[in-house]
Amino acid sequence: MTRGNSAEAKKQLGQILARTARTKCRVMVTSRGKDMAADVPIEDVQLLEEIEDRLDLDEARVVLASVKREGTVAWKKIKRDLGL
């Protein structure tokens, strides 16, 4: 992974984006010595989105199983309990 500061990244953004797309390397952008952003290949983003989708699906399955076991609470009851 390459690192560069935000001032240089501003000057070379087009070049950084093109290099990332071409070489699939990652570029970490820093500011005052701290990591603040990254330029990553689109394949990395697509993989992260797929992982997030799978995690969301797993969580939805857990919630649905809980609803099946424990049931639900009527919306009217929730509003009443909250004084709405």
C-alpha atoms as a PDB file:
ATOM      1  CA  MET A   1       0.000   0.000   0.000  1.00  0.00           C
ATOM      2  CA  THR A   2       1.233   3.425  -0.911  1.00  0.00           C
ATOM      3  CA  ARG A   3       0.830   6.393   1.418  1.00  0.00           C
ATOM      4  CA  GLY A   4       0.629  10.053   0.547  1.00  0.00           C
ATOM      5  CA  ASN A   5      -0.468  13.247   2.225  1.00  0.00           C
ATOM      6  CA  SER A   6      -3.681  15.022   1.348  1.00  0.00           C
ATOM      7  CA  ALA A   7      -1.947  18.034  -0.225  1.00  0.00           C
ATOM      8  CA  GLU A   8      -0.153  15.808  -2.734  1.00  0.00           C
ATOM      9  CA  ALA A   9      -3.304  13.765  -3.296  1.00  0.00           C
ATOM     10  CA  LYS A  10      -5.186  16.937  -4.265  1.00  0.00           C
ATOM     11  CA  LYS A  11      -2.539  17.810  -6.842  1.00  0.00           C
ATOM     12  CA  GLN A  12      -2.320  14.302  -8.285  1.00  0.00           C
ATOM     13  CA  LEU A  13      -5.866  12.975  -7.875  1.00  0.00           C
ATOM     14  CA  GLY A  14      -6.339  12.075 -11.531  1.00  0.00           C
ATOM     15  CA  GLN A  15      -3.010  10.249 -11.643  1.00  0.00           C
ATOM     16  CA  ILE A  16      -3.727   8.421  -8.382  1.00  0.00           C
ATOM     17  CA  LEU A  17      -7.139   7.270  -9.603  1.00  0.00           C
ATOM     18  CA  ALA A  18      -5.754   6.088 -12.932  1.00  0.00           C
ATOM     19  CA  ARG A  19      -2.888   4.216 -11.261  1.00  0.00           C
ATOM     20  CA  THR A  20      -5.241   2.528  -8.807  1.00  0.00           C
ATOM     21  CA  ALA A  21      -7.555   1.423 -11.619  1.00  0.00           C
ATOM     22  CA  ARG A  22      -4.630   0.175 -13.716  1.00  0.00           C
ATOM     23  CA  THR A  23      -2.451  -1.507 -11.069  1.00  0.00           C
ATOM     24  CA  LYS A  24      -5.098  -2.417  -8.467  1.00  0.00           C
ATOM     25  CA  CYS A  25      -2.838  -0.970  -5.759  1.00  0.00           C
ATOM     26  CA  ARG A  26      -4.283   0.869  -2.764  1.00  0.00           C
ATOM     27  CA  VAL A  27      -3.323   4.404  -1.792  1.00  0.00           C
ATOM     28  CA  MET A  28      -3.767   5.647   1.767  1.00  0.00           C
ATOM     29  CA  VAL A  29      -4.196   9.413   2.105  1.00  0.00           C
ATOM     30  CA  THR A  30      -2.941  10.967   5.311  1.00  0.00           C
ATOM     31  CA  SER A  31      -3.402  14.303   6.960  1.00  0.00           C
ATOM     32  CA  ARG A  32      -1.069  15.455   9.709  1.00  0.00           C
ATOM     33  CA  GLY A  33       0.288  11.927   9.906  1.00  0.00           C
ATOM     34  CA  LYS A  34      -3.096  10.261  10.396  1.00  0.00           C
ATOM     35  CA  ASP A  35      -4.876   8.023   7.905  1.00  0.00           C
ATOM     36  CA  MET A  36      -7.994   9.778   6.627  1.00  0.00           C
ATOM     37  CA  ALA A  37      -9.062   8.154   3.351  1.00  0.00           C
ATOM     38  CA  ALA A  38      -8.074   5.566   0.802  1.00  0.00           C
ATOM     39  CA  ASP A  39      -8.233   5.115  -2.931  1.00  0.00           C
ATOM     40  CA  VAL A  40      -8.915   1.456  -3.624  1.00  0.00           C
ATOM     41  CA  PRO A  41      -9.675  -0.566  -6.731  1.00  0.00           C
ATOM     42  CA  ILE A  42     -13.357  -0.909  -7.550  1.00  0.00           C
ATOM     43  CA  GLU A  43     -13.053  -4.661  -7.017  1.00  0.00           C
ATOM     44  CA  ASP A  44     -12.235  -3.988  -3.353  1.00  0.00           C
ATOM     45  CA  VAL A  45     -15.374  -1.878  -2.974  1.00  0.00           C
ATOM     46  CA  GLN A  46     -17.509  -4.508  -4.695  1.00  0.00           C
ATOM     47  CA  LEU A  47     -16.111  -7.180  -2.374  1.00  0.00           C
ATOM     48  CA  LEU A  48     -16.831  -5.039   0.696  1.00  0.00           C
ATOM     49  CA  GLU A  49     -20.385  -4.466  -0.502  1.00  0.00           C
ATOM     50  CA  GLU A  50     -20.866  -8.207  -1.026  1.00  0.00           C
ATOM     51  CA  ILE A  51     -19.560  -8.910   2.486  1.00  0.00           C
ATOM     52  CA  GLU A  52     -21.888  -6.248   3.928  1.00  0.00           C
ATOM     53  CA  ASP A  53     -24.832  -7.745   2.042  1.00  0.00           C
ATOM     54  CA  ARG A  54     -24.048 -11.194   3.438  1.00  0.00           C
ATOM     55  CA  LEU A  55     -23.752  -9.814   6.974  1.00  0.00           C
ATOM     56  CA  ASP A  56     -27.053  -7.957   6.556  1.00  0.00           C
ATOM     57  CA  LEU A  57     -28.702 -11.171   5.346  1.00  0.00           C
ATOM     58  CA  ASP A  58     -27.305 -13.117   8.310  1.00  0.00           C
ATOM     59  CA  GLU A  59     -28.603 -10.456  10.701  1.00  0.00           C
ATOM     60  CA  ALA A  60     -32.021 -10.436   9.013  1.00  0.00           C
ATOM     61  CA  ARG A  61     -32.247 -14.203   9.397  1.00  0.00           C
ATOM     62  CA  VAL A  62     -31.453 -13.918  13.113  1.00  0.00           C
ATOM     63  CA  VAL A  63     -34.131 -11.250  13.575  1.00  0.00           C
ATOM     64  CA  LEU A  64     -36.707 -13.240  11.626  1.00  0.00           C
ATOM     65  CA  ALA A  65     -35.964 -16.323  13.718  1.00  0.00           C
ATOM     66  CA  SER A  66     -36.396 -14.227  16.860  1.00  0.00           C
ATOM     67  CA  VAL A  67     -39.734 -12.902  15.626  1.00  0.00           C
ATOM     68  CA  LYS A  68     -40.826 -16.431  14.835  1.00  0.00           C
ATOM     69  CA  ARG A  69     -39.861 -17.588  18.367  1.00  0.00           C
ATOM     70  CA  GLU A  70     -40.955 -14.581  20.389  1.00  0.00           C
ATOM     71  CA  GLY A  71     -43.587 -12.913  18.228  1.00  0.00           C
ATOM     72  CA  THR A  72     -44.074  -9.188  17.742  1.00  0.00           C
ATOM     73  CA  VAL A  73     -45.643  -6.259  19.564  1.00  0.00           C
ATOM     74  CA  ALA A  74     -48.503  -4.372  17.939  1.00  0.00           C
ATOM     75  CA  TRP A  75     -47.643  -0.869  16.786  1.00  0.00           C
ATOM     76  CA  LYS A  76     -50.698   0.495  18.606  1.00  0.00           C
ATOM     77  CA  LYS A  77     -49.382  -0.941  21.876  1.00  0.00           C
ATOM     78  CA  ILE A  78     -45.948   0.587  21.330  1.00  0.00           C
ATOM     79  CA  LYS A  79     -47.482   4.017  20.643  1.00  0.00           C
ATOM     80  CA  ARG A  80     -49.745   3.683  23.684  1.00  0.00           C
ATOM     81  CA  ASP A  81     -46.826   2.667  25.907  1.00  0.00           C
ATOM     82  CA  LEU A  82     -44.873   5.691  24.658  1.00  0.00           C
ATOM     83  CA  GLY A  83     -47.808   8.015  25.134  1.00  0.00           C
ATOM     84  CA  LEU A  84     -48.089   8.844  21.449  1.00  0.00           C
END
